């Protein structure tokens, strides 16, 4: 294996590690949010620093490859895609930390019927499944697996689009939940954005593997 190929392999491994850590952060933020687990929420917030450090490390790897090897064709698309994926993964980590942070700000736990009405657990599950599938698609070079996230993102968007009406009706019936309901509304928006970033990652994978640009395409 040449030095260039070794650098590309290391970069690929770093992105997979970043994906795995991001998935763990989402899983823990889900458990912390749904169970109002303050200790776990603090763990998620603390681990955000690790994701940030990894983002900077991966950026440096990409910069070194550009500077030392001047990649072209497929290799060039690969490095560009890894830089963009790295940024999206860091943003997902930010959202996971933000979701966990709400646990420390809410006055009291949500009633199960409120979480069910908003379909909060379902949104978390869809987002986590999307991360899992895009990671496996990237690892196994399975483009069919990678493309699955597009349909799931549509499902996440549909749930999110109904949340404003559901939450406003809940507030009208139960004014005492207004404080927490605002956090709940923001949480649904964060999960919808997580889905968008995962979709971006899938588009970048297809770009480097197939030289096909899907960005902004309906």
N, C-alpha and C. Protein backbone atom coordinates (compact mmCIF):
# COMPACT_ATOMS: atom_id res chain seq x y z
N UNK A 1 0.84 -1.19 0.00
CA UNK A 1 0.00 0.00 0.00
C UNK A 1 0.89 1.26 0.00
N UNK A 2 0.60 2.19 -0.90
CA UNK A 2 1.38 3.42 -0.97
C UNK A 2 1.04 4.33 0.21
N UNK A 3 1.88 5.33 0.43
CA UNK A 3 1.64 6.29 1.49
C UNK A 3 0.32 7.02 1.27
N UNK A 4 0.02 7.32 0.01
CA UNK A 4 -1.23 8.00 -0.33
C UNK A 4 -2.43 7.14 0.04
N UNK A 5 -2.40 5.87 -0.36
CA UNK A 5 -3.52 4.97 -0.04
C UNK A 5 -3.66 4.78 1.46
N UNK A 6 -2.54 4.76 2.16
CA UNK A 6 -2.58 4.63 3.62
C UNK A 6 -3.29 5.83 4.24
N UNK A 7 -3.01 7.02 3.73
CA UNK A 7 -3.66 8.23 4.25
C UNK A 7 -5.17 8.20 3.99
N UNK A 8 -5.56 7.74 2.81
CA UNK A 8 -6.99 7.64 2.50
C UNK A 8 -7.68 6.63 3.40
N UNK A 9 -7.02 5.52 3.67
CA UNK A 9 -7.58 4.50 4.55
C UNK A 9 -7.75 5.03 5.97
N UNK A 10 -6.75 5.76 6.44
CA UNK A 10 -6.84 6.35 7.78
C UNK A 10 -7.97 7.37 7.86
N UNK A 11 -8.14 8.15 6.79
CA UNK A 11 -9.22 9.14 6.76
C UNK A 11 -10.58 8.45 6.80
N UNK A 12 -10.71 7.38 6.05
CA UNK A 12 -11.95 6.62 6.04
C UNK A 12 -12.25 6.08 7.44
N UNK A 13 -11.23 5.55 8.10
CA UNK A 13 -11.41 5.02 9.45
C UNK A 13 -11.82 6.11 10.44
N UNK A 14 -11.25 7.29 10.27
CA UNK A 14 -11.59 8.41 11.16
C UNK A 14 -13.04 8.82 10.99
N UNK A 15 -13.52 8.85 9.75
CA UNK A 15 -14.93 9.20 9.51
C UNK A 15 -15.86 8.15 10.11
N UNK A 16 -15.51 6.88 9.97
CA UNK A 16 -16.33 5.82 10.56
C UNK A 16 -16.38 5.95 12.08
N UNK A 17 -15.24 6.29 12.67
CA UNK A 17 -15.20 6.50 14.13
C UNK A 17 -16.08 7.68 14.53
N UNK A 18 -16.03 8.74 13.73
CA UNK A 18 -16.85 9.92 13.99
C UNK A 18 -18.34 9.56 13.88
N UNK A 19 -18.70 8.76 12.89
CA UNK A 19 -20.08 8.32 12.72
C UNK A 19 -20.56 7.52 13.94
N UNK A 20 -19.71 6.61 14.40
CA UNK A 20 -20.07 5.77 15.54
C UNK A 20 -20.28 6.62 16.79
N UNK A 21 -19.39 7.56 17.02
CA UNK A 21 -19.52 8.43 18.19
C UNK A 21 -20.78 9.29 18.10
N UNK A 22 -21.06 9.79 16.91
CA UNK A 22 -22.27 10.60 16.72
C UNK A 22 -23.52 9.78 16.99
N UNK A 23 -23.52 8.55 16.53
CA UNK A 23 -24.66 7.66 16.79
C UNK A 23 -24.85 7.45 18.28
N UNK A 24 -23.76 7.20 19.01
CA UNK A 24 -23.85 7.00 20.46
C UNK A 24 -24.40 8.25 21.14
N UNK A 25 -23.98 9.42 20.67
CA UNK A 25 -24.47 10.66 21.25
C UNK A 25 -25.98 10.81 21.06
N UNK A 26 -26.47 10.47 19.87
CA UNK A 26 -27.91 10.54 19.62
C UNK A 26 -28.67 9.55 20.49
N UNK A 27 -28.13 8.34 20.61
CA UNK A 27 -28.79 7.32 21.44
C UNK A 27 -28.88 7.77 22.89
N UNK A 28 -27.80 8.33 23.39
CA UNK A 28 -27.79 8.78 24.79
C UNK A 28 -28.68 10.01 24.99
N UNK A 29 -28.71 10.90 24.01
CA UNK A 29 -29.58 12.07 24.14
C UNK A 29 -31.05 11.66 24.12
N UNK A 30 -31.36 10.62 23.35
CA UNK A 30 -32.73 10.10 23.35
C UNK A 30 -33.10 9.59 24.73
N UNK A 31 -32.25 8.76 25.31
CA UNK A 31 -32.53 8.20 26.64
C UNK A 31 -32.62 9.31 27.68
N UNK A 32 -31.71 10.28 27.61
CA UNK A 32 -31.72 11.37 28.58
C UNK A 32 -32.99 12.21 28.45
N UNK A 33 -33.40 12.50 27.21
CA UNK A 33 -34.56 13.36 26.99
C UNK A 33 -35.85 12.68 27.40
N UNK A 34 -36.02 11.44 26.98
CA UNK A 34 -37.28 10.75 27.26
C UNK A 34 -37.43 10.38 28.73
N UNK A 35 -36.31 10.17 29.41
CA UNK A 35 -36.35 9.75 30.82
C UNK A 35 -35.96 10.86 31.78
N UNK A 36 -35.69 12.05 31.27
CA UNK A 36 -35.26 13.18 32.10
C UNK A 36 -34.08 12.78 32.97
N UNK A 37 -33.09 12.16 32.35
CA UNK A 37 -31.90 11.67 33.05
C UNK A 37 -30.82 12.77 33.00
N UNK A 38 -30.71 13.51 34.09
CA UNK A 38 -29.77 14.64 34.10
C UNK A 38 -28.31 14.19 34.06
N UNK A 39 -28.00 13.06 34.71
CA UNK A 39 -26.62 12.57 34.70
C UNK A 39 -26.19 12.20 33.28
N UNK A 40 -27.08 11.53 32.55
CA UNK A 40 -26.75 11.14 31.19
C UNK A 40 -26.68 12.36 30.26
N UNK A 41 -27.54 13.32 30.52
CA UNK A 41 -27.50 14.53 29.68
C UNK A 41 -26.17 15.25 29.85
N UNK A 42 -25.65 15.29 31.08
CA UNK A 42 -24.34 15.92 31.31
C UNK A 42 -23.23 15.14 30.61
N UNK A 43 -23.37 13.82 30.55
CA UNK A 43 -22.38 13.00 29.85
C UNK A 43 -22.36 13.33 28.36
N UNK A 44 -23.54 13.49 27.77
CA UNK A 44 -23.64 13.83 26.35
C UNK A 44 -23.00 15.20 26.09
N UNK A 45 -23.31 16.16 26.94
CA UNK A 45 -22.75 17.50 26.78
C UNK A 45 -21.23 17.47 26.92
N UNK A 46 -20.74 16.69 27.88
CA UNK A 46 -19.29 16.57 28.08
C UNK A 46 -18.61 15.96 26.86
N UNK A 47 -19.24 14.95 26.26
CA UNK A 47 -18.64 14.24 25.13
C UNK A 47 -18.65 15.05 23.84
N UNK A 48 -19.38 16.16 23.84
CA UNK A 48 -19.38 17.00 22.63
C UNK A 48 -17.98 17.50 22.32
N UNK A 49 -17.19 17.72 23.38
CA UNK A 49 -15.82 18.20 23.17
C UNK A 49 -15.01 17.19 22.38
N UNK A 50 -15.29 15.90 22.57
CA UNK A 50 -14.57 14.86 21.83
C UNK A 50 -14.92 14.92 20.35
N UNK A 51 -16.19 15.14 20.04
CA UNK A 51 -16.61 15.26 18.64
C UNK A 51 -15.96 16.48 18.00
N UNK A 52 -15.93 17.59 18.73
CA UNK A 52 -15.30 18.79 18.19
C UNK A 52 -13.82 18.57 17.90
N UNK A 53 -13.14 17.85 18.80
CA UNK A 53 -11.72 17.56 18.61
C UNK A 53 -11.51 16.66 17.40
N UNK A 54 -12.40 15.69 17.22
CA UNK A 54 -12.30 14.79 16.07
C UNK A 54 -12.53 15.55 14.77
N UNK A 55 -13.46 16.50 14.79
CA UNK A 55 -13.72 17.28 13.58
C UNK A 55 -12.45 18.01 13.15
N UNK A 56 -11.77 18.65 14.09
CA UNK A 56 -10.54 19.37 13.78
C UNK A 56 -9.45 18.43 13.28
N UNK A 57 -9.36 17.25 13.88
CA UNK A 57 -8.35 16.27 13.47
C UNK A 57 -8.60 15.79 12.03
N UNK A 58 -9.87 15.52 11.71
CA UNK A 58 -10.20 15.06 10.36
C UNK A 58 -9.96 16.17 9.33
N UNK A 59 -10.28 17.39 9.71
CA UNK A 59 -9.99 18.52 8.81
C UNK A 59 -8.50 18.58 8.49
N UNK A 60 -7.66 18.38 9.50
CA UNK A 60 -6.21 18.41 9.28
C UNK A 60 -5.77 17.26 8.39
N UNK A 61 -6.39 16.08 8.57
CA UNK A 61 -6.06 14.95 7.69
C UNK A 61 -6.35 15.30 6.24
N UNK A 62 -7.53 15.88 6.00
CA UNK A 62 -7.91 16.25 4.63
C UNK A 62 -6.95 17.30 4.06
N UNK A 63 -6.62 18.29 4.86
CA UNK A 63 -5.71 19.34 4.41
C UNK A 63 -4.34 18.78 4.05
N UNK A 64 -3.86 17.84 4.86
CA UNK A 64 -2.56 17.22 4.59
C UNK A 64 -2.58 16.43 3.28
N UNK A 65 -3.68 15.73 3.03
CA UNK A 65 -3.79 14.96 1.79
C UNK A 65 -3.78 15.89 0.58
N UNK A 66 -4.50 16.99 0.67
CA UNK A 66 -4.49 17.96 -0.43
C UNK A 66 -3.09 18.52 -0.65
N UNK A 67 -2.43 18.86 0.44
CA UNK A 67 -1.12 19.52 0.33
C UNK A 67 -0.03 18.57 -0.16
N UNK A 68 -0.08 17.31 0.28
CA UNK A 68 1.01 16.38 -0.01
C UNK A 68 0.82 15.56 -1.28
N UNK A 69 -0.45 15.27 -1.63
CA UNK A 69 -0.67 14.29 -2.70
C UNK A 69 -1.45 14.83 -3.89
N UNK A 70 -2.07 16.01 -3.75
CA UNK A 70 -2.80 16.60 -4.88
C UNK A 70 -3.72 15.56 -5.55
N UNK A 71 -4.71 15.02 -4.82
CA UNK A 71 -5.56 13.95 -5.37
C UNK A 71 -6.38 14.42 -6.57
N UNK A 72 -6.74 13.47 -7.43
CA UNK A 72 -7.55 13.77 -8.61
C UNK A 72 -8.66 12.71 -8.74
N UNK A 73 -9.63 13.00 -9.60
CA UNK A 73 -10.70 12.06 -9.95
C UNK A 73 -11.40 11.53 -8.71
N UNK A 74 -11.51 10.20 -8.61
CA UNK A 74 -12.26 9.59 -7.51
C UNK A 74 -11.66 9.94 -6.15
N UNK A 75 -10.35 9.96 -6.07
CA UNK A 75 -9.70 10.29 -4.80
C UNK A 75 -10.00 11.73 -4.38
N UNK A 76 -10.06 12.63 -5.34
CA UNK A 76 -10.39 14.01 -5.04
C UNK A 76 -11.83 14.11 -4.52
N UNK A 77 -12.75 13.42 -5.19
CA UNK A 77 -14.14 13.43 -4.74
C UNK A 77 -14.24 12.84 -3.34
N UNK A 78 -13.46 11.79 -3.08
CA UNK A 78 -13.50 11.15 -1.77
C UNK A 78 -13.09 12.13 -0.67
N UNK A 79 -11.99 12.83 -0.84
CA UNK A 79 -11.51 13.74 0.20
C UNK A 79 -12.48 14.91 0.38
N UNK A 80 -13.00 15.45 -0.72
CA UNK A 80 -13.99 16.53 -0.61
C UNK A 80 -15.21 16.05 0.16
N UNK A 81 -15.68 14.84 -0.18
CA UNK A 81 -16.86 14.29 0.50
C UNK A 81 -16.60 14.10 1.99
N UNK A 82 -15.39 13.63 2.34
CA UNK A 82 -15.07 13.41 3.75
C UNK A 82 -15.07 14.72 4.53
N UNK A 83 -14.59 15.79 3.92
CA UNK A 83 -14.60 17.09 4.59
C UNK A 83 -16.03 17.55 4.85
N UNK A 84 -16.89 17.37 3.87
CA UNK A 84 -18.28 17.80 4.03
C UNK A 84 -19.02 16.92 5.04
N UNK A 85 -18.78 15.62 4.98
CA UNK A 85 -19.40 14.71 5.92
C UNK A 85 -18.95 15.01 7.35
N UNK A 86 -17.69 15.34 7.50
CA UNK A 86 -17.13 15.67 8.81
C UNK A 86 -17.89 16.84 9.43
N UNK A 87 -18.15 17.85 8.62
CA UNK A 87 -18.88 19.02 9.10
C UNK A 87 -20.31 18.67 9.50
N UNK A 88 -20.97 17.86 8.68
CA UNK A 88 -22.35 17.45 9.01
C UNK A 88 -22.39 16.61 10.28
N UNK A 89 -21.43 15.73 10.46
CA UNK A 89 -21.40 14.90 11.67
C UNK A 89 -21.20 15.76 12.91
N UNK A 90 -20.36 16.79 12.81
CA UNK A 90 -20.15 17.67 13.95
C UNK A 90 -21.44 18.41 14.30
N UNK A 91 -22.19 18.81 13.29
CA UNK A 91 -23.46 19.50 13.54
C UNK A 91 -24.47 18.56 14.20
N UNK A 92 -24.50 17.30 13.79
CA UNK A 92 -25.38 16.34 14.43
C UNK A 92 -25.00 16.19 15.91
N UNK A 93 -23.70 16.17 16.18
CA UNK A 93 -23.25 16.11 17.56
C UNK A 93 -23.72 17.32 18.36
N UNK A 94 -23.71 18.49 17.74
CA UNK A 94 -24.20 19.70 18.40
C UNK A 94 -25.68 19.57 18.76
N UNK A 95 -26.47 19.03 17.83
CA UNK A 95 -27.89 18.86 18.09
C UNK A 95 -28.14 17.85 19.21
N UNK A 96 -27.36 16.78 19.22
CA UNK A 96 -27.50 15.78 20.29
C UNK A 96 -27.21 16.43 21.65
N UNK A 97 -26.16 17.24 21.70
CA UNK A 97 -25.83 17.94 22.93
C UNK A 97 -26.92 18.93 23.33
N UNK A 98 -27.48 19.63 22.34
CA UNK A 98 -28.56 20.56 22.61
C UNK A 98 -29.80 19.88 23.16
N UNK A 99 -30.13 18.73 22.60
CA UNK A 99 -31.28 17.96 23.08
C UNK A 99 -31.07 17.52 24.53
N UNK A 100 -29.86 17.06 24.81
CA UNK A 100 -29.55 16.65 26.18
C UNK A 100 -29.59 17.85 27.13
N UNK A 101 -29.17 19.01 26.63
CA UNK A 101 -29.17 20.21 27.46
C UNK A 101 -30.55 20.64 27.89
N UNK A 102 -31.57 20.35 27.09
CA UNK A 102 -32.93 20.71 27.46
C UNK A 102 -33.36 20.02 28.75
N UNK A 103 -32.83 18.83 28.99
CA UNK A 103 -33.19 18.08 30.19
C UNK A 103 -32.84 18.88 31.44
N UNK A 104 -31.75 19.63 31.38
CA UNK A 104 -31.31 20.41 32.54
C UNK A 104 -32.13 21.69 32.71
N UNK A 105 -32.90 22.07 31.68
CA UNK A 105 -33.66 23.32 31.73
C UNK A 105 -35.15 23.11 31.98
N UNK A 106 -35.65 21.92 31.71
CA UNK A 106 -37.08 21.68 31.86
C UNK A 106 -37.47 21.59 33.33
N UNK A 107 -38.67 22.06 33.64
CA UNK A 107 -39.12 22.13 35.04
C UNK A 107 -39.55 20.78 35.59
N UNK A 108 -40.12 19.95 34.73
CA UNK A 108 -40.62 18.65 35.18
C UNK A 108 -40.69 17.69 34.00
N UNK A 109 -40.75 16.38 34.26
CA UNK A 109 -40.81 15.40 33.16
C UNK A 109 -42.10 15.55 32.35
N UNK A 110 -42.04 15.17 31.09
CA UNK A 110 -43.23 15.13 30.26
C UNK A 110 -44.09 13.93 30.61
N UNK A 111 -45.37 14.11 30.50
CA UNK A 111 -46.26 12.96 30.61
C UNK A 111 -46.12 12.13 29.34
N UNK A 112 -46.27 10.83 29.48
CA UNK A 112 -46.10 9.93 28.32
C UNK A 112 -47.05 10.28 27.18
N UNK A 113 -48.28 10.68 27.52
CA UNK A 113 -49.25 10.96 26.46
C UNK A 113 -48.83 12.17 25.64
N UNK A 114 -48.10 13.11 26.24
CA UNK A 114 -47.63 14.27 25.50
C UNK A 114 -46.52 13.87 24.52
N UNK A 115 -45.58 13.07 25.00
CA UNK A 115 -44.50 12.59 24.13
C UNK A 115 -45.06 11.74 22.99
N UNK A 116 -46.07 10.95 23.30
CA UNK A 116 -46.67 10.10 22.27
C UNK A 116 -47.42 10.94 21.23
N UNK A 117 -48.08 12.00 21.69
CA UNK A 117 -48.82 12.86 20.76
C UNK A 117 -47.89 13.52 19.76
N UNK A 118 -46.71 13.92 20.23
CA UNK A 118 -45.74 14.57 19.36
C UNK A 118 -44.92 13.54 18.56
N UNK A 119 -44.98 12.28 18.98
CA UNK A 119 -44.22 11.18 18.36
C UNK A 119 -42.71 11.40 18.52
N UNK A 120 -42.36 11.83 19.74
CA UNK A 120 -40.96 12.18 20.02
C UNK A 120 -40.05 10.96 19.93
N UNK A 121 -40.44 9.88 20.55
CA UNK A 121 -39.60 8.68 20.52
C UNK A 121 -39.43 8.18 19.10
N UNK A 122 -40.50 8.26 18.31
CA UNK A 122 -40.43 7.82 16.91
C UNK A 122 -39.45 8.67 16.13
N UNK A 123 -39.44 9.97 16.39
CA UNK A 123 -38.49 10.86 15.70
C UNK A 123 -37.06 10.50 16.05
N UNK A 124 -36.80 10.25 17.32
CA UNK A 124 -35.47 9.83 17.74
C UNK A 124 -35.07 8.54 17.03
N UNK A 125 -35.98 7.58 17.00
CA UNK A 125 -35.66 6.28 16.41
C UNK A 125 -35.35 6.40 14.92
N UNK A 126 -36.13 7.22 14.22
CA UNK A 126 -35.88 7.41 12.79
C UNK A 126 -34.50 8.02 12.58
N UNK A 127 -34.16 9.04 13.37
CA UNK A 127 -32.86 9.71 13.24
C UNK A 127 -31.72 8.75 13.51
N UNK A 128 -31.86 7.94 14.56
CA UNK A 128 -30.80 6.98 14.91
C UNK A 128 -30.66 5.90 13.83
N UNK A 129 -31.80 5.45 13.30
CA UNK A 129 -31.77 4.46 12.22
C UNK A 129 -31.09 5.04 10.98
N UNK A 130 -31.35 6.31 10.70
CA UNK A 130 -30.72 6.95 9.54
C UNK A 130 -29.20 7.01 9.70
N UNK A 131 -28.73 7.36 10.89
CA UNK A 131 -27.29 7.38 11.13
C UNK A 131 -26.70 5.98 10.95
N UNK A 132 -27.39 4.98 11.48
CA UNK A 132 -26.92 3.60 11.38
C UNK A 132 -26.81 3.17 9.92
N UNK A 133 -27.84 3.47 9.14
CA UNK A 133 -27.86 3.03 7.75
C UNK A 133 -26.84 3.75 6.89
N UNK A 134 -26.67 5.05 7.12
CA UNK A 134 -25.69 5.78 6.33
C UNK A 134 -24.27 5.32 6.70
N UNK A 135 -24.07 4.97 7.97
CA UNK A 135 -22.76 4.47 8.41
C UNK A 135 -22.48 3.10 7.79
N UNK A 136 -23.46 2.22 7.81
CA UNK A 136 -23.28 0.89 7.24
C UNK A 136 -23.13 0.95 5.72
N UNK A 137 -23.90 1.85 5.09
CA UNK A 137 -23.78 2.01 3.64
C UNK A 137 -22.40 2.49 3.25
N UNK A 138 -21.85 3.41 4.03
CA UNK A 138 -20.51 3.92 3.77
C UNK A 138 -19.47 2.85 4.03
N UNK A 139 -19.58 2.16 5.15
CA UNK A 139 -18.60 1.13 5.53
C UNK A 139 -18.57 -0.01 4.53
N UNK A 140 -19.75 -0.47 4.10
CA UNK A 140 -19.86 -1.64 3.23
C UNK A 140 -19.92 -1.28 1.75
N UNK A 141 -19.85 0.01 1.44
CA UNK A 141 -19.98 0.49 0.06
C UNK A 141 -21.27 -0.02 -0.57
N UNK A 142 -22.34 0.09 0.22
CA UNK A 142 -23.66 -0.37 -0.18
C UNK A 142 -24.52 0.86 -0.50
N UNK A 143 -24.59 1.21 -1.78
CA UNK A 143 -25.31 2.42 -2.16
C UNK A 143 -26.81 2.30 -1.94
N UNK A 144 -27.34 1.09 -2.04
CA UNK A 144 -28.76 0.89 -1.79
C UNK A 144 -29.08 1.20 -0.33
N UNK A 145 -28.22 0.75 0.57
CA UNK A 145 -28.40 1.05 1.99
C UNK A 145 -28.32 2.55 2.22
N UNK A 146 -27.36 3.19 1.60
CA UNK A 146 -27.19 4.64 1.76
C UNK A 146 -28.43 5.39 1.32
N UNK A 147 -29.03 4.97 0.22
CA UNK A 147 -30.18 5.69 -0.33
C UNK A 147 -31.44 5.52 0.52
N UNK A 148 -31.46 4.56 1.42
CA UNK A 148 -32.64 4.37 2.26
C UNK A 148 -32.95 5.58 3.12
N UNK A 149 -31.92 6.35 3.45
CA UNK A 149 -32.13 7.47 4.37
C UNK A 149 -32.99 8.56 3.76
N UNK A 150 -33.06 8.65 2.42
CA UNK A 150 -33.85 9.71 1.79
C UNK A 150 -35.33 9.55 2.14
N UNK A 151 -35.84 8.34 2.05
CA UNK A 151 -37.24 8.11 2.36
C UNK A 151 -37.51 8.33 3.85
N UNK A 152 -36.57 7.91 4.69
CA UNK A 152 -36.75 8.10 6.12
C UNK A 152 -36.74 9.59 6.48
N UNK A 153 -35.93 10.37 5.77
CA UNK A 153 -35.91 11.81 6.02
C UNK A 153 -37.26 12.43 5.68
N UNK A 154 -37.90 11.95 4.64
CA UNK A 154 -39.24 12.45 4.30
C UNK A 154 -40.21 12.15 5.43
N UNK A 155 -40.09 10.95 6.01
CA UNK A 155 -40.96 10.59 7.13
C UNK A 155 -40.73 11.49 8.34
N UNK A 156 -39.47 11.80 8.60
CA UNK A 156 -39.13 12.68 9.71
C UNK A 156 -39.70 14.09 9.48
N UNK A 157 -39.63 14.55 8.24
CA UNK A 157 -40.16 15.87 7.91
C UNK A 157 -41.67 15.93 8.09
N UNK A 158 -42.36 14.85 7.75
CA UNK A 158 -43.82 14.83 7.88
C UNK A 158 -44.24 14.90 9.35
N UNK A 159 -43.52 14.15 10.20
CA UNK A 159 -43.84 14.20 11.62
C UNK A 159 -43.59 15.61 12.16
N UNK A 160 -42.46 16.18 11.78
CA UNK A 160 -42.11 17.51 12.26
C UNK A 160 -43.12 18.56 11.83
N UNK A 161 -43.61 18.44 10.60
CA UNK A 161 -44.55 19.45 10.08
C UNK A 161 -45.87 19.46 10.84
N UNK A 162 -46.19 18.34 11.49
CA UNK A 162 -47.45 18.26 12.25
C UNK A 162 -47.27 18.68 13.71
N UNK A 163 -46.02 18.86 14.14
CA UNK A 163 -45.76 19.09 15.56
C UNK A 163 -46.28 20.43 16.05
N UNK A 164 -46.18 21.48 15.24
CA UNK A 164 -46.62 22.81 15.69
C UNK A 164 -48.09 22.80 16.08
N UNK A 165 -48.93 22.19 15.24
CA UNK A 165 -50.35 22.13 15.54
C UNK A 165 -50.62 21.28 16.77
N UNK A 166 -49.95 20.13 16.86
CA UNK A 166 -50.16 19.23 18.01
C UNK A 166 -49.77 19.92 19.31
N UNK A 167 -48.60 20.58 19.31
CA UNK A 167 -48.12 21.22 20.54
C UNK A 167 -48.99 22.41 20.93
N UNK A 168 -49.43 23.19 19.94
CA UNK A 168 -50.30 24.34 20.26
C UNK A 168 -51.62 23.87 20.87
N UNK A 169 -52.17 22.76 20.37
CA UNK A 169 -53.40 22.21 20.94
C UNK A 169 -53.17 21.70 22.35
N UNK A 170 -52.01 21.10 22.59
CA UNK A 170 -51.69 20.62 23.94
C UNK A 170 -51.57 21.78 24.92
N UNK A 171 -50.98 22.89 24.47
CA UNK A 171 -50.82 24.06 25.35
C UNK A 171 -52.19 24.66 25.68
N UNK A 172 -53.09 24.71 24.69
CA UNK A 172 -54.42 25.26 24.93
C UNK A 172 -55.18 24.43 25.98
N UNK A 173 -55.00 23.12 25.92
CA UNK A 173 -55.68 22.23 26.87
C UNK A 173 -54.98 22.19 28.22
N UNK A 174 -53.65 22.37 28.20
CA UNK A 174 -52.87 22.26 29.43
C UNK A 174 -51.88 23.43 29.51
N UNK A 175 -52.35 24.63 29.86
CA UNK A 175 -51.46 25.81 29.88
C UNK A 175 -50.24 25.65 30.78
N UNK A 176 -50.36 24.79 31.77
CA UNK A 176 -49.25 24.61 32.71
C UNK A 176 -48.02 23.96 32.08
N UNK A 177 -48.18 23.37 30.90
CA UNK A 177 -47.04 22.71 30.25
C UNK A 177 -46.33 23.65 29.27
N UNK A 178 -46.75 24.90 29.21
CA UNK A 178 -46.21 25.82 28.19
C UNK A 178 -44.69 25.89 28.22
N UNK A 179 -44.10 26.02 29.41
CA UNK A 179 -42.64 26.13 29.52
C UNK A 179 -41.95 24.94 28.89
N UNK A 180 -42.36 23.74 29.27
CA UNK A 180 -41.74 22.53 28.72
C UNK A 180 -42.09 22.33 27.26
N UNK A 181 -43.30 22.74 26.87
CA UNK A 181 -43.74 22.55 25.49
C UNK A 181 -42.87 23.31 24.51
N UNK A 182 -42.35 24.46 24.93
CA UNK A 182 -41.46 25.23 24.07
C UNK A 182 -40.17 24.46 23.81
N UNK A 183 -39.65 23.80 24.84
CA UNK A 183 -38.46 22.96 24.67
C UNK A 183 -38.79 21.77 23.76
N UNK A 184 -39.98 21.23 23.92
CA UNK A 184 -40.39 20.09 23.10
C UNK A 184 -40.47 20.49 21.63
N UNK A 185 -41.03 21.66 21.36
CA UNK A 185 -41.13 22.14 19.99
C UNK A 185 -39.74 22.33 19.39
N UNK A 186 -38.84 22.91 20.15
CA UNK A 186 -37.47 23.11 19.67
C UNK A 186 -36.77 21.77 19.45
N UNK A 187 -37.06 20.79 20.30
CA UNK A 187 -36.44 19.48 20.17
C UNK A 187 -36.85 18.80 18.86
N UNK A 188 -38.12 18.94 18.49
CA UNK A 188 -38.57 18.33 17.23
C UNK A 188 -37.86 18.98 16.04
N UNK A 189 -37.62 20.29 16.14
CA UNK A 189 -36.91 20.99 15.07
C UNK A 189 -35.47 20.49 14.96
N UNK A 190 -34.83 20.26 16.11
CA UNK A 190 -33.46 19.76 16.10
C UNK A 190 -33.39 18.38 15.45
N UNK A 191 -34.34 17.52 15.74
CA UNK A 191 -34.33 16.18 15.15
C UNK A 191 -34.59 16.24 13.65
N UNK A 192 -35.43 17.17 13.24
CA UNK A 192 -35.64 17.34 11.80
C UNK A 192 -34.36 17.79 11.12
N UNK A 193 -33.60 18.66 11.78
CA UNK A 193 -32.33 19.11 11.22
C UNK A 193 -31.29 17.99 11.21
N UNK A 194 -31.33 17.13 12.21
CA UNK A 194 -30.45 15.96 12.21
C UNK A 194 -30.70 15.13 10.95
N UNK A 195 -31.96 14.92 10.63
CA UNK A 195 -32.30 14.18 9.42
C UNK A 195 -31.75 14.85 8.17
N UNK A 196 -31.81 16.17 8.12
CA UNK A 196 -31.27 16.89 6.96
C UNK A 196 -29.76 16.68 6.83
N UNK A 197 -29.05 16.71 7.94
CA UNK A 197 -27.59 16.52 7.89
C UNK A 197 -27.24 15.09 7.49
N UNK A 198 -28.02 14.13 7.94
CA UNK A 198 -27.75 12.74 7.54
C UNK A 198 -28.00 12.57 6.05
N UNK A 199 -29.05 13.23 5.55
CA UNK A 199 -29.32 13.19 4.11
C UNK A 199 -28.16 13.81 3.34
N UNK A 200 -27.60 14.90 3.86
CA UNK A 200 -26.43 15.51 3.22
C UNK A 200 -25.27 14.52 3.13
N UNK A 201 -25.07 13.77 4.21
CA UNK A 201 -23.98 12.78 4.24
C UNK A 201 -24.21 11.72 3.17
N UNK A 202 -25.45 11.25 3.05
CA UNK A 202 -25.77 10.26 2.03
C UNK A 202 -25.50 10.80 0.63
N UNK A 203 -25.86 12.06 0.41
CA UNK A 203 -25.60 12.68 -0.90
C UNK A 203 -24.10 12.76 -1.19
N UNK A 204 -23.31 13.06 -0.15
CA UNK A 204 -21.86 13.16 -0.34
C UNK A 204 -21.25 11.79 -0.65
N UNK A 205 -21.77 10.74 -0.01
CA UNK A 205 -21.28 9.38 -0.29
C UNK A 205 -21.54 9.01 -1.74
N UNK A 206 -22.75 9.30 -2.21
CA UNK A 206 -23.11 8.98 -3.60
C UNK A 206 -22.29 9.84 -4.57
N UNK A 207 -22.01 11.07 -4.17
CA UNK A 207 -21.19 11.95 -5.01
C UNK A 207 -19.80 11.36 -5.24
N UNK A 208 -19.16 10.91 -4.17
CA UNK A 208 -17.79 10.41 -4.37
C UNK A 208 -17.77 9.04 -5.02
N UNK A 209 -18.79 8.23 -4.80
CA UNK A 209 -18.79 6.89 -5.36
C UNK A 209 -19.27 6.86 -6.81
N UNK A 210 -20.25 7.71 -7.14
CA UNK A 210 -20.88 7.63 -8.45
C UNK A 210 -20.71 8.90 -9.30
N UNK A 211 -20.03 9.90 -8.74
CA UNK A 211 -19.86 11.19 -9.42
C UNK A 211 -21.22 11.79 -9.80
N UNK A 212 -22.20 11.58 -8.94
CA UNK A 212 -23.54 12.08 -9.18
C UNK A 212 -23.90 13.10 -8.09
N UNK A 213 -24.29 14.29 -8.51
CA UNK A 213 -24.64 15.35 -7.56
C UNK A 213 -26.15 15.33 -7.30
N UNK A 214 -26.53 15.04 -6.07
CA UNK A 214 -27.95 14.98 -5.72
C UNK A 214 -28.41 16.21 -4.96
N UNK A 215 -27.49 17.06 -4.55
CA UNK A 215 -27.82 18.24 -3.75
C UNK A 215 -28.81 19.14 -4.47
N UNK A 216 -29.83 19.59 -3.74
CA UNK A 216 -30.89 20.48 -4.23
C UNK A 216 -31.82 19.80 -5.23
N UNK A 217 -31.66 18.49 -5.43
CA UNK A 217 -32.55 17.81 -6.35
C UNK A 217 -33.79 17.35 -5.61
N UNK A 218 -34.95 17.52 -6.19
CA UNK A 218 -36.20 17.11 -5.55
C UNK A 218 -36.29 15.59 -5.51
